[in-house]
Amino acid sequence: MSVPIFAAGVTAYYLALVGSKKPARRLLDSILLPVIVGLAAKVIVAFYWFRDVGEPAHFVNQVPGAPHLWQPRILFALAVNLSVGFQFASVGFILISALFVLYGWGRATLPIHLPAQSISDASIPEDENRRTLVYVWMMIAMVFITGLPEPALEVLGSSGIIRFARLHPEWFLWLRQLFHALLLLAFVCVALGKGGRKMIPAMLRIPRAIYLAASVVIPAAIAYVGPVASYIHPRILWTPDGWGILVPPSPSSFLGFPAASSGAYLLYPPVEEIAWRGYLQPRFVRRYGIVRGIFLVGVVWGTFHYLWDFNSSMTVRDVCIGLVARLLVTVCLSYVLA
């Protein structure tokens, strides 16, 4: 029942970035209608499920002698309490419905247009900008494809995969990250197109030794500030009170090397850097200027991760905090890495 809503989301990204010859028709038949079908299906299934159970839901009071779900007030309460995902999808439906009305009145345009602020003398060709925005759409809206093979493998051979993950958790993490990295690399190569693929060797330059050493030493030193301070404090307290009486605090309890399995996380970022800093950043900077271009790269980069940021156990507050925190981190890091 969520598939129509996912499909509508993919289409919404496309209309917002790339556009269509008939935006109003696409808004109606490819976004609003599929979403209302998906939302209505969820309400109907939940209604019959609660009705067949024969007991009132936890958020309504039983009315003696009357079927509790036939009342409009209680049916509305059921819809509101279905899930956080249902609530956010409903809000999205309302917002896009408002956009549909504004577009009909001539008060809105599709695709969303940002005036160019090129830093080069030659203006950026419109067809190049369109290719860039198609690339952005592919990276944001279609990235969920890279996550499909894994659950498919789990469904086809779940017992073997689960057994391997339990017996060899570190190897499983490495293989999982490698699988995702290779899948994303293949997807990025397709999205880049023939011209973009020729640029990949230039994006993979090996830095000078001094810069490579700095990139390892500086983050490690920052990461160890907290553990070192945590060790020094109990050590200072132990010196006057526990000398010769208590065992001194062990540095190994506070300081240590990361687990070998955490090295698997180094596989994914290089592929992402090809996508964001390698390909997208120069194009956004050329068209929108340095400040706006880097900011927009951060927004796209953050939106790319939304698929993995949320789950069904989160509250509305969790989702709102997740949205803001993800964009804040990626936009700030976008300026640092740029």
Protein backbone atom coordinates (compact mmCIF):
# COMPACT_ATOMS: atom_id res chain seq x y z
CA MET A 1 0.00 0.00 0.00
CA SER A 2 3.00 2.29 0.37
CA VAL A 3 4.25 1.67 -3.17
CA PRO A 4 1.95 4.31 -4.79
CA ILE A 5 3.16 6.87 -2.23
CA PHE A 6 6.82 6.05 -2.95
CA ALA A 7 6.17 6.33 -6.69
CA ALA A 8 4.45 9.69 -6.18
CA GLY A 9 7.46 10.91 -4.19
CA VAL A 10 9.82 9.95 -7.01
CA THR A 11 7.61 11.80 -9.50
CA ALA A 12 7.39 14.86 -7.23
CA TYR A 13 11.19 15.14 -7.14
CA TYR A 14 11.29 14.93 -10.94
CA LEU A 15 8.67 17.64 -11.43
CA ALA A 16 10.34 19.91 -8.88
CA LEU A 17 13.79 19.59 -10.48
CA VAL A 18 13.33 18.78 -14.16
CA GLY A 19 9.72 19.64 -14.97
CA SER A 20 7.26 18.30 -17.52
CA LYS A 21 5.37 19.49 -20.58
CA LYS A 22 2.10 19.21 -18.64
CA PRO A 23 2.95 19.88 -14.96
CA ALA A 24 -0.66 20.24 -13.80
CA ARG A 25 -1.66 16.90 -15.30
CA ARG A 26 1.43 15.18 -13.84
CA LEU A 27 0.69 16.69 -10.41
CA LEU A 28 -2.80 15.28 -10.53
CA ASP A 29 -2.45 11.84 -12.09
CA SER A 30 1.09 10.90 -10.97
CA ILE A 31 1.25 12.41 -7.49
CA LEU A 32 -2.07 13.41 -5.93
CA LEU A 33 -4.17 10.45 -7.14
CA PRO A 34 -1.61 7.71 -6.22
CA VAL A 35 -1.11 9.26 -2.76
CA ILE A 36 -4.84 9.49 -2.01
CA VAL A 37 -5.22 5.86 -3.14
CA GLY A 38 -2.39 4.73 -0.86
CA LEU A 39 -3.63 6.71 2.14
CA ALA A 40 -7.24 5.61 1.63
CA ALA A 41 -6.18 1.96 1.36
CA LYS A 42 -4.37 2.21 4.70
CA VAL A 43 -7.41 3.76 6.39
CA ILE A 44 -9.79 1.15 4.97
CA VAL A 45 -7.59 -1.79 5.97
CA ALA A 46 -7.08 -0.36 9.46
CA PHE A 47 -10.81 0.29 9.79
CA TYR A 48 -11.76 -3.30 8.96
CA TRP A 49 -8.96 -4.68 11.11
CA PHE A 50 -10.10 -2.81 14.20
CA ARG A 51 -13.73 -3.57 13.44
CA ASP A 52 -13.09 -7.29 13.08
CA VAL A 53 -11.13 -7.40 16.31
CA GLY A 54 -14.29 -6.26 18.06
CA GLU A 55 -12.48 -4.17 20.66
CA PRO A 56 -12.03 -0.40 20.80
CA ALA A 57 -8.69 1.06 19.83
CA HIS A 58 -6.56 2.40 22.65
CA PHE A 59 -7.24 6.01 21.64
CA VAL A 60 -11.09 5.94 21.71
CA ASN A 61 -13.74 5.26 24.33
CA GLN A 62 -16.18 2.43 23.81
CA VAL A 63 -19.79 3.51 23.24
CA PRO A 64 -22.10 0.82 24.69
CA GLY A 65 -24.49 -0.62 22.13
CA ALA A 66 -22.89 1.09 19.12
CA PRO A 67 -20.11 -0.04 16.76
CA HIS A 68 -17.31 2.24 17.87
CA LEU A 69 -15.66 2.71 14.46
CA TRP A 70 -18.76 3.82 12.54
CA GLN A 71 -18.65 7.28 14.10
CA PRO A 72 -16.90 9.96 11.98
CA ARG A 73 -15.08 11.35 15.03
CA ILE A 74 -13.61 7.96 15.88
CA LEU A 75 -12.79 7.15 12.24
CA PHE A 76 -10.85 10.42 12.09
CA ALA A 77 -9.06 9.50 15.32
CA LEU A 78 -8.12 6.15 13.79
CA ALA A 79 -6.63 7.85 10.71
CA VAL A 80 -4.64 10.30 12.86
CA ASN A 81 -3.22 7.47 14.98
CA LEU A 82 -2.27 5.11 12.15
CA SER A 83 1.46 5.89 12.02
CA VAL A 84 3.96 8.70 11.83
CA GLY A 85 4.58 7.81 8.18
CA PHE A 86 0.87 8.14 7.43
CA GLN A 87 0.82 11.56 9.12
CA PHE A 88 3.79 12.90 7.17
CA ALA A 89 2.44 11.50 3.89
CA SER A 90 -0.87 13.25 4.63
CA VAL A 91 0.91 16.55 5.29
CA GLY A 92 2.81 16.12 2.03
CA PHE A 93 -0.47 15.47 0.20
CA ILE A 94 -1.97 18.67 1.62
CA LEU A 95 1.10 20.75 0.67
CA ILE A 96 1.23 19.43 -2.90
CA SER A 97 -2.53 19.96 -3.21
CA ALA A 98 -1.93 23.60 -2.26
CA LEU A 99 0.83 23.78 -4.89
CA PHE A 100 -1.60 22.31 -7.44
CA VAL A 101 -4.13 25.07 -6.67
CA LEU A 102 -1.48 27.80 -6.81
CA TYR A 103 -0.18 26.45 -10.11
CA GLY A 104 -3.73 26.52 -11.50
CA TRP A 105 -3.98 30.19 -10.45
CA GLY A 106 -0.64 31.00 -12.08
CA ARG A 107 1.02 31.72 -8.71
CA ALA A 108 3.58 28.89 -8.90
CA THR A 109 5.91 27.41 -11.51
CA LEU A 110 7.39 23.98 -12.17
CA PRO A 111 10.19 23.09 -12.19
CA ILE A 112 11.45 25.15 -9.26
CA HIS A 113 13.74 27.79 -10.75
CA LEU A 114 16.74 29.42 -9.11
CA PRO A 115 18.25 32.35 -11.02
CA ALA A 116 21.75 31.59 -12.24
CA GLN A 117 24.71 33.42 -10.75
CA SER A 118 27.48 32.13 -12.95
CA ILE A 119 31.06 32.87 -11.84
CA SER A 120 32.40 32.33 -15.34
CA ASP A 121 32.19 34.69 -18.27
CA ALA A 122 30.41 32.12 -20.42
CA SER A 123 26.89 31.31 -19.31
CA ILE A 124 26.08 27.70 -18.48
CA PRO A 125 24.12 26.04 -21.32
CA GLU A 126 20.58 25.17 -20.32
CA ASP A 127 20.91 21.60 -21.58
CA GLU A 128 23.91 21.06 -19.25
CA ASN A 129 21.88 22.39 -16.34
CA ARG A 130 19.05 20.03 -17.25
CA ARG A 131 21.45 17.07 -17.31
CA THR A 132 22.76 18.11 -13.89
CA LEU A 133 19.25 18.27 -12.43
CA VAL A 134 18.36 14.89 -13.95
CA TYR A 135 21.49 13.56 -12.23
CA VAL A 136 20.36 15.10 -8.92
CA TRP A 137 16.92 13.50 -9.34
CA MET A 138 18.45 10.11 -10.04
CA MET A 139 20.70 10.32 -6.97
CA ILE A 140 17.90 11.42 -4.62
CA ALA A 141 14.77 9.73 -5.87
CA MET A 142 16.08 6.50 -7.36
CA VAL A 143 18.80 5.67 -4.84
CA PHE A 144 16.40 3.29 -3.08
CA ILE A 145 17.09 0.89 -5.97
CA THR A 146 20.55 0.25 -4.50
CA GLY A 147 18.87 -1.07 -1.36
CA LEU A 148 16.56 -3.55 -3.10
CA PRO A 149 18.93 -6.50 -3.76
CA GLU A 150 19.79 -6.95 -0.08
CA PRO A 151 16.25 -7.62 1.19
CA ALA A 152 15.66 -9.73 -1.92
CA LEU A 153 18.65 -11.90 -0.99
CA GLU A 154 17.40 -12.11 2.58
CA VAL A 155 13.98 -13.26 1.37
CA LEU A 156 15.44 -15.85 -1.00
CA GLY A 157 17.98 -17.27 1.41
CA SER A 158 17.32 -15.63 4.73
CA SER A 159 18.44 -18.50 6.95
CA GLY A 160 21.92 -18.75 5.40
CA ILE A 161 22.51 -14.99 5.42
CA ILE A 162 21.31 -14.60 9.01
CA ARG A 163 23.46 -17.54 10.14
CA PHE A 164 26.54 -16.07 8.46
CA ALA A 165 25.85 -12.64 9.99
CA ARG A 166 25.65 -14.16 13.47
CA LEU A 167 28.76 -16.32 13.12
CA HIS A 168 30.93 -13.72 11.35
CA PRO A 169 29.56 -10.24 12.19
CA GLU A 170 32.74 -8.38 11.19
CA TRP A 171 33.04 -10.14 7.84
CA PHE A 172 29.34 -9.61 7.22
CA LEU A 173 29.70 -5.86 7.87
CA TRP A 174 32.65 -5.64 5.49
CA LEU A 175 30.83 -7.56 2.75
CA ARG A 176 27.64 -5.56 3.28
CA GLN A 177 29.47 -2.22 2.99
CA LEU A 178 31.45 -3.45 -0.02
CA PHE A 179 28.23 -4.60 -1.70
CA HIS A 180 26.56 -1.23 -1.10
CA ALA A 181 29.64 0.70 -2.25
CA LEU A 182 29.95 -1.26 -5.50
CA LEU A 183 26.22 -0.97 -6.14
CA LEU A 184 26.29 2.78 -5.55
CA LEU A 185 29.40 3.12 -7.74
CA ALA A 186 27.61 1.32 -10.58
CA PHE A 187 24.58 3.57 -10.10
CA VAL A 188 26.74 6.71 -10.02
CA CYS A 189 28.50 5.65 -13.23
CA VAL A 190 25.13 5.29 -14.95
CA ALA A 191 23.94 8.65 -13.60
CA LEU A 192 27.15 10.43 -14.62
CA GLY A 193 26.77 9.48 -18.25
CA LYS A 194 29.59 8.90 -20.73
CA GLY A 195 31.17 12.33 -20.26
CA GLY A 196 31.04 12.12 -16.48
CA ARG A 197 32.60 8.65 -16.39
CA LYS A 198 35.66 9.98 -18.22
CA MET A 199 36.22 12.39 -15.30
CA ILE A 200 36.39 9.67 -12.63
CA PRO A 201 40.18 9.05 -12.94
CA ALA A 202 40.80 12.78 -12.35
CA MET A 203 38.57 12.64 -9.25
CA LEU A 204 40.67 9.84 -7.73
CA ARG A 205 44.01 11.61 -7.40
CA ILE A 206 46.28 10.33 -4.61
CA PRO A 207 47.19 13.28 -2.35
CA ARG A 208 50.71 14.26 -1.31
CA ALA A 209 52.07 12.35 1.69
CA ILE A 210 51.91 15.36 4.04
CA TYR A 211 48.22 15.93 3.29
CA LEU A 212 47.44 12.24 3.57
CA ALA A 213 49.16 12.13 6.99
CA ALA A 214 47.30 15.24 8.14
CA SER A 215 43.98 13.74 7.08
CA VAL A 216 44.69 10.74 9.33
CA VAL A 217 46.36 12.44 12.31
CA ILE A 218 44.09 15.48 12.78
CA PRO A 219 40.74 13.63 12.97
CA ALA A 220 42.31 10.96 15.21
CA ALA A 221 43.68 13.65 17.57
CA ILE A 222 40.26 15.33 17.74
CA ALA A 223 38.57 11.99 18.40
CA TYR A 224 40.91 11.26 21.33
CA VAL A 225 40.41 14.57 23.16
CA GLY A 226 37.33 13.24 24.99
CA PRO A 227 38.77 9.82 25.97
CA VAL A 228 42.05 11.38 27.20
CA ALA A 229 40.14 13.89 29.34
CA SER A 230 37.95 11.07 30.66
CA TYR A 231 41.08 9.14 31.72
CA ILE A 232 42.89 12.11 33.29
CA HIS A 233 40.02 12.98 35.62
CA PRO A 234 39.78 9.63 37.50
CA ARG A 235 43.58 9.38 37.45
CA ILE A 236 43.86 12.71 39.27
CA LEU A 237 41.25 11.61 41.82
CA TRP A 238 43.07 8.29 42.35
CA THR A 239 46.47 9.89 43.07
CA PRO A 240 45.64 11.39 46.51
CA ASP A 241 42.93 8.95 47.60
CA GLY A 242 43.78 5.55 46.16
CA TRP A 243 47.58 5.40 45.97
CA GLY A 244 48.68 2.01 47.28
CA ILE A 245 45.10 1.07 48.16
CA LEU A 246 43.10 0.89 44.92
CA VAL A 247 44.07 -0.28 41.47
CA PRO A 248 44.80 2.75 39.28
CA PRO A 249 42.51 3.47 36.34
CA SER A 250 43.64 1.57 33.27
CA PRO A 251 44.34 3.64 30.16
CA SER A 252 43.01 0.77 28.02
CA SER A 253 39.58 1.30 29.60
CA PHE A 254 39.45 4.78 28.08
CA LEU A 255 41.77 4.65 25.08
CA GLY A 256 41.86 2.12 22.29
CA PHE A 257 41.84 1.61 18.57
CA PRO A 258 38.57 1.27 16.66
CA ALA A 259 37.39 -2.23 15.86
CA ALA A 260 38.65 -3.63 12.58
CA SER A 261 35.06 -3.89 11.35
CA SER A 262 34.67 -0.10 11.50
CA GLY A 263 37.13 0.14 8.60
CA ALA A 264 34.30 -1.07 6.39
CA TYR A 265 32.79 2.41 6.59
CA LEU A 266 35.74 3.71 4.55
CA LEU A 267 34.37 1.94 1.47
CA TYR A 268 31.24 4.05 0.98
CA PRO A 269 32.44 7.69 1.37
CA PRO A 270 34.88 7.69 -1.60
CA VAL A 271 32.02 6.73 -3.93
CA GLU A 272 29.85 9.50 -2.49
CA GLU A 273 32.66 12.02 -2.94
CA ILE A 274 32.77 11.18 -6.64
CA ALA A 275 29.05 11.97 -6.77
CA TRP A 276 29.00 15.17 -4.70
CA ARG A 277 32.35 16.96 -4.60
CA GLY A 278 33.70 15.36 -7.80
CA TYR A 279 30.76 15.83 -10.17
CA LEU A 280 27.96 17.93 -8.69
CA GLN A 281 29.89 20.64 -6.82
CA PRO A 282 31.73 22.18 -9.82
CA ARG A 283 28.50 22.33 -11.80
CA PHE A 284 26.48 23.94 -9.02
CA VAL A 285 29.28 26.42 -8.29
CA ARG A 286 29.56 27.40 -11.95
CA ARG A 287 25.82 28.02 -12.20
CA TYR A 288 24.84 29.38 -8.77
CA GLY A 289 28.08 30.84 -7.41
CA ILE A 290 30.34 29.52 -4.66
CA VAL A 291 28.18 30.14 -1.58
CA ARG A 292 24.84 29.03 -3.05
CA GLY A 293 26.40 26.19 -5.04
CA ILE A 294 28.08 24.59 -2.00
CA PHE A 295 24.91 25.10 0.06
CA LEU A 296 22.78 23.30 -2.55
CA VAL A 297 25.27 20.42 -2.72
CA GLY A 298 24.82 20.03 1.05
CA VAL A 299 21.03 19.98 0.68
CA VAL A 300 21.14 17.34 -2.07
CA TRP A 301 23.69 15.31 -0.11
CA GLY A 302 21.46 15.36 2.98
CA THR A 303 18.31 14.46 1.05
CA PHE A 304 20.18 11.52 -0.48
CA HIS A 305 20.50 10.00 3.03
CA TYR A 306 16.86 10.45 4.07
CA LEU A 307 15.93 6.96 2.93
CA TRP A 308 18.18 5.46 5.63
CA ASP A 309 17.48 8.03 8.36
CA PHE A 310 13.92 7.06 9.29
CA ASN A 311 12.06 3.98 10.48
CA SER A 312 8.61 3.03 11.71
CA SER A 313 9.53 3.24 15.41
CA MET A 314 10.24 6.99 15.32
CA THR A 315 7.94 9.66 16.73
CA VAL A 316 6.97 12.90 15.01
CA ARG A 317 9.56 14.67 17.15
CA ASP A 318 12.24 12.17 16.14
CA VAL A 319 11.48 12.69 12.46
CA CYS A 320 11.54 16.49 12.72
CA ILE A 321 14.84 16.41 14.61
CA GLY A 322 16.23 13.94 12.07
CA LEU A 323 15.29 16.18 9.15
CA VAL A 324 16.93 19.26 10.64
CA ALA A 325 19.98 17.46 12.04
CA ARG A 326 20.78 15.69 8.77
CA LEU A 327 20.61 18.89 6.70
CA LEU A 328 22.56 20.87 9.31
CA VAL A 329 25.38 18.31 9.29
CA THR A 330 25.58 17.90 5.51
CA VAL A 331 25.39 21.63 4.74
CA CYS A 332 28.12 22.46 7.29
CA LEU A 333 30.30 19.57 6.10
CA SER A 334 29.67 20.62 2.52
CA TYR A 335 31.45 23.94 3.16
CA VAL A 336 34.27 22.22 5.07
CA LEU A 337 34.90 19.57 2.43
CA ALA A 338 34.49 22.02 -0.46
